[in-house]
Amino acid sequence: MPSSTFPTLTTAAEIRAGIFKVFPLCIAVIPWGILAGSMAIHAGLPPVQAMLMSVVIFAGAAQLLSLSLLGVGASALTIVISVFFMTAQHYLYALTLRPHVEQKQSKIRLLIGFLLTDELFAACAGRQRLSTPFMLAAGLMFYLAWNLSSLAGVILAASVPNLAAYHLDFSIVATFIAIVVPFVRSSPALVGVAVSVLLAVIFHALHWQSGTVIAGVSGMLAASLWESRT
């Protein structure tokens, strides 16, 4: 009897651990989801299509970028290329998690790949052992939170005009601060973050449209150089 119940108990514990690990980020992302849902409506999408963006695409930054470009009349090719570069870090996430999923069934790997966001990667990082129940529970929990908050944005867009005026976009900053800070555990990480933040502020003041990307790449290079010197 103990040997037959042990896997069940282990699975239940891993599911709870995944939910609890990602839960704070689910709370932080609520205003972001509301903003994404309302922006989709204001961009002219019907409510069904606005929700399908969150259900099918499931990438907050990519959704906001797509809606912004759509609003200024950008072509589909421009949107695709812009989203590709904005979400390129997911390739690094996938390579990092690959050893934990490469022996799984194809449908499990595809599902984890679909659920793989910045938040899920943050929840998985630092754990010596990553189980499928943990990753699926964390990913599905965040997926549910994102879609419920997007639905709230779609509903509120009809009754609360100009939701963007409430500065809900600050939740994007708050979410990524919550993701990045726990990783700053070494001097190279600290140097990388400091350089990225400093350059991002400078480039924003200079109104450089690509300043954020340049700042991020510069921070990574600075961290690599610092690590090689020390």
Protein backbone atom coordinates (compact mmCIF):
# COMPACT_ATOMS: atom_id res chain seq x y z
CA MET A 1 0.00 0.00 0.00
CA PRO A 2 2.68 2.66 0.82
CA SER A 3 4.47 2.07 -2.49
CA SER A 4 1.24 2.56 -4.43
CA THR A 5 0.26 5.79 -2.66
CA PHE A 6 3.71 7.40 -2.68
CA PRO A 7 3.56 8.61 -6.32
CA THR A 8 0.14 10.14 -5.72
CA LEU A 9 1.32 12.02 -2.66
CA THR A 10 4.43 13.18 -4.49
CA THR A 11 2.37 14.39 -7.46
CA ALA A 12 -0.04 16.27 -5.21
CA ALA A 13 2.86 17.92 -3.38
CA GLU A 14 4.48 18.96 -6.66
CA ILE A 15 1.20 20.41 -7.93
CA ARG A 16 0.78 22.45 -4.74
CA ALA A 17 4.38 23.61 -4.93
CA GLY A 18 3.92 24.77 -8.53
CA ILE A 19 0.74 26.69 -7.71
CA PHE A 20 2.19 28.36 -4.62
CA LYS A 21 5.42 29.25 -6.43
CA VAL A 22 3.71 31.11 -9.26
CA PHE A 23 0.79 32.53 -7.27
CA PRO A 24 2.45 35.89 -6.37
CA LEU A 25 3.16 36.49 -10.05
CA CYS A 26 -0.47 35.66 -10.86
CA ILE A 27 -1.53 38.50 -8.57
CA ALA A 28 1.03 40.92 -10.00
CA VAL A 29 -0.04 40.26 -13.59
CA ILE A 30 -3.75 41.03 -13.08
CA PRO A 31 -3.52 44.74 -14.05
CA TRP A 32 -1.37 43.74 -17.04
CA GLY A 33 -4.02 41.30 -18.22
CA ILE A 34 -6.78 43.86 -17.75
CA LEU A 35 -4.75 46.33 -19.84
CA ALA A 36 -4.21 43.75 -22.60
CA GLY A 37 -7.92 42.89 -22.76
CA SER A 38 -9.02 46.51 -22.86
CA MET A 39 -6.38 47.45 -25.46
CA ALA A 40 -7.63 44.68 -27.74
CA ILE A 41 -11.15 46.13 -27.58
CA HIS A 42 -9.95 49.69 -28.16
CA ALA A 43 -7.89 48.44 -31.12
CA GLY A 44 -11.15 47.43 -32.77
CA LEU A 45 -11.17 43.69 -32.12
CA PRO A 46 -14.51 42.04 -31.27
CA PRO A 47 -14.69 40.59 -27.75
CA VAL A 48 -14.28 37.02 -29.02
CA GLN A 49 -11.11 37.88 -30.96
CA ALA A 50 -9.80 39.92 -28.05
CA MET A 51 -10.09 36.89 -25.77
CA LEU A 52 -8.63 34.56 -28.39
CA MET A 53 -5.44 36.65 -28.32
CA SER A 54 -4.95 35.72 -24.68
CA VAL A 55 -6.17 32.15 -25.06
CA VAL A 56 -4.13 31.26 -28.16
CA ILE A 57 -1.11 33.58 -28.14
CA PHE A 58 -0.60 33.71 -24.35
CA ALA A 59 2.25 36.22 -24.40
CA GLY A 60 1.53 39.49 -22.64
CA ALA A 61 4.35 41.62 -24.03
CA ALA A 62 3.80 40.25 -27.53
CA GLN A 63 0.08 40.98 -27.31
CA LEU A 64 0.62 44.58 -26.20
CA LEU A 65 3.25 45.13 -28.90
CA SER A 66 1.00 43.61 -31.57
CA LEU A 67 -1.93 45.79 -30.52
CA SER A 68 0.23 48.93 -30.49
CA LEU A 69 1.57 48.19 -33.97
CA LEU A 70 -1.91 47.31 -35.17
CA GLY A 71 -3.15 50.65 -33.90
CA VAL A 72 -0.63 52.56 -36.02
CA GLY A 73 -1.37 50.50 -39.12
CA ALA A 74 1.77 48.37 -39.18
CA SER A 75 1.93 45.49 -41.64
CA ALA A 76 1.62 41.86 -40.59
CA LEU A 77 5.29 41.27 -41.47
CA THR A 78 6.38 44.12 -39.21
CA ILE A 79 4.32 42.72 -36.35
CA VAL A 80 5.70 39.20 -36.82
CA ILE A 81 9.34 40.37 -36.94
CA SER A 82 8.91 42.67 -33.93
CA VAL A 83 7.27 39.94 -31.84
CA PHE A 84 9.98 37.46 -32.87
CA PHE A 85 12.77 39.64 -31.50
CA MET A 86 10.82 40.62 -28.40
CA THR A 87 10.22 36.99 -27.43
CA ALA A 88 13.60 35.61 -28.49
CA GLN A 89 14.53 34.92 -24.86
CA HIS A 90 12.09 32.01 -24.89
CA TYR A 91 14.58 30.04 -26.93
CA LEU A 92 17.02 30.35 -24.03
CA TYR A 93 14.29 29.32 -21.61
CA ALA A 94 13.52 26.25 -23.71
CA LEU A 95 17.19 25.24 -23.92
CA THR A 96 17.54 25.60 -20.15
CA LEU A 97 14.51 23.43 -19.41
CA ARG A 98 15.17 20.93 -22.16
CA PRO A 99 17.06 18.41 -19.96
CA HIS A 100 14.01 18.19 -17.70
CA VAL A 101 11.50 17.45 -20.48
CA GLU A 102 13.39 15.77 -23.32
CA GLN A 103 12.36 12.29 -22.14
CA LYS A 104 8.67 13.22 -21.88
CA GLN A 105 5.97 12.48 -24.44
CA SER A 106 5.62 14.91 -27.33
CA LYS A 107 2.25 16.20 -26.13
CA ILE A 108 3.72 16.99 -22.69
CA ARG A 109 6.68 18.82 -24.22
CA LEU A 110 4.39 20.82 -26.50
CA LEU A 111 2.10 21.75 -23.63
CA ILE A 112 5.00 22.90 -21.44
CA GLY A 113 6.39 24.81 -24.43
CA PHE A 114 3.07 26.59 -24.90
CA LEU A 115 2.90 27.47 -21.20
CA LEU A 116 6.54 28.60 -21.05
CA THR A 117 6.50 32.28 -20.12
CA ASP A 118 8.88 34.52 -18.22
CA GLU A 119 6.86 33.77 -15.11
CA LEU A 120 6.96 30.01 -15.51
CA PHE A 121 10.70 30.10 -16.13
CA ALA A 122 11.16 32.21 -13.00
CA ALA A 123 9.14 29.68 -11.01
CA CYS A 124 11.28 26.81 -12.33
CA ALA A 125 14.66 28.52 -11.96
CA GLY A 126 16.74 27.53 -8.97
CA ARG A 127 15.03 24.18 -8.44
CA GLN A 128 17.36 21.20 -8.64
CA ARG A 129 14.56 18.87 -9.64
CA LEU A 130 11.78 19.89 -12.00
CA SER A 131 8.87 17.50 -12.29
CA THR A 132 6.19 17.56 -14.93
CA PRO A 133 3.37 18.10 -12.37
CA PHE A 134 5.22 21.12 -10.96
CA MET A 135 5.74 22.76 -14.36
CA LEU A 136 2.23 22.02 -15.59
CA ALA A 137 0.61 23.23 -12.37
CA ALA A 138 2.59 26.47 -12.36
CA GLY A 139 2.04 27.05 -16.08
CA LEU A 140 -1.69 26.30 -16.03
CA MET A 141 -2.19 28.42 -12.92
CA PHE A 142 -0.59 31.40 -14.60
CA TYR A 143 -2.48 30.70 -17.84
CA LEU A 144 -5.76 30.78 -15.90
CA ALA A 145 -4.83 34.02 -14.11
CA TRP A 146 -3.83 35.71 -17.37
CA ASN A 147 -7.01 34.77 -19.20
CA LEU A 148 -9.31 35.71 -16.33
CA SER A 149 -7.64 39.11 -16.02
CA SER A 150 -7.82 39.56 -19.81
CA LEU A 151 -11.53 38.72 -19.68
CA ALA A 152 -11.95 41.36 -16.98
CA GLY A 153 -10.23 43.85 -19.29
CA VAL A 154 -12.54 42.96 -22.18
CA ILE A 155 -15.58 43.46 -19.95
CA LEU A 156 -14.31 46.67 -18.33
CA ALA A 157 -13.37 48.21 -21.69
CA ALA A 158 -17.06 48.62 -22.46
CA SER A 159 -17.92 50.31 -19.16
CA VAL A 160 -14.69 52.09 -18.11
CA PRO A 161 -13.35 54.30 -20.92
CA ASN A 162 -9.61 54.83 -21.38
CA LEU A 163 -8.31 52.27 -18.91
CA ALA A 164 -4.78 53.13 -20.04
CA ALA A 165 -5.11 56.42 -18.14
CA TYR A 166 -4.99 54.47 -14.89
CA HIS A 167 -1.38 53.46 -15.63
CA LEU A 168 -2.05 49.76 -15.43
CA ASP A 169 1.10 49.29 -17.51
CA PHE A 170 3.11 49.77 -14.34
CA SER A 171 2.19 46.19 -13.48
CA ILE A 172 4.50 45.11 -16.32
CA VAL A 173 7.41 46.77 -14.54
CA ALA A 174 6.35 45.36 -11.17
CA THR A 175 6.04 41.83 -12.58
CA PHE A 176 9.51 41.85 -14.11
CA ILE A 177 11.03 43.38 -10.98
CA ALA A 178 9.57 40.47 -9.03
CA ILE A 179 11.09 38.08 -11.59
CA VAL A 180 14.55 39.66 -11.84
CA VAL A 181 15.35 40.52 -8.21
CA PRO A 182 15.57 36.90 -6.93
CA PHE A 183 18.18 36.17 -9.63
CA VAL A 184 20.53 38.93 -8.49
CA ARG A 185 22.67 36.70 -6.30
CA SER A 186 26.14 37.38 -7.73
CA SER A 187 28.27 40.33 -8.79
CA PRO A 188 27.92 39.60 -12.55
CA ALA A 189 24.12 39.56 -12.23
CA LEU A 190 24.21 42.81 -10.27
CA VAL A 191 26.46 44.47 -12.87
CA GLY A 192 24.20 43.30 -15.69
CA VAL A 193 21.06 44.61 -14.05
CA ALA A 194 22.70 47.93 -13.10
CA VAL A 195 24.00 48.53 -16.64
CA SER A 196 20.66 47.61 -18.20
CA VAL A 197 18.67 49.88 -15.88
CA LEU A 198 21.05 52.82 -16.28
CA LEU A 199 21.15 52.62 -20.06
CA ALA A 200 17.39 52.09 -20.28
CA VAL A 201 16.81 55.32 -18.34
CA ILE A 202 19.30 57.23 -20.51
CA PHE A 203 17.91 55.91 -23.78
CA HIS A 204 14.36 56.63 -22.66
CA ALA A 205 15.35 60.23 -21.92
CA LEU A 206 16.88 60.44 -25.40
CA HIS A 207 13.68 58.97 -26.91
CA TRP A 208 15.50 56.07 -28.58
CA GLN A 209 12.84 53.63 -29.73
CA SER A 210 15.20 50.65 -29.59
CA GLY A 211 16.80 51.77 -26.35
CA THR A 212 15.29 49.03 -24.20
CA VAL A 213 16.63 46.27 -26.44
CA ILE A 214 20.08 47.89 -26.61
CA ALA A 215 20.11 48.33 -22.84
CA GLY A 216 19.25 44.67 -22.27
CA VAL A 217 21.91 43.41 -24.65
CA SER A 218 24.47 45.80 -23.14
CA GLY A 219 23.64 44.52 -19.66
CA MET A 220 24.19 40.91 -20.74
CA LEU A 221 27.53 41.81 -22.34
CA ALA A 222 28.60 43.72 -19.23
CA ALA A 223 27.71 40.77 -17.00
CA SER A 224 29.67 38.38 -19.24
CA LEU A 225 32.73 40.63 -19.27
CA TRP A 226 32.59 41.09 -15.50
CA GLU A 227 32.31 37.35 -14.95
CA SER A 228 35.28 36.63 -17.25
CA ARG A 229 37.44 39.19 -15.44
CA THR A 230 36.57 37.96 -11.97
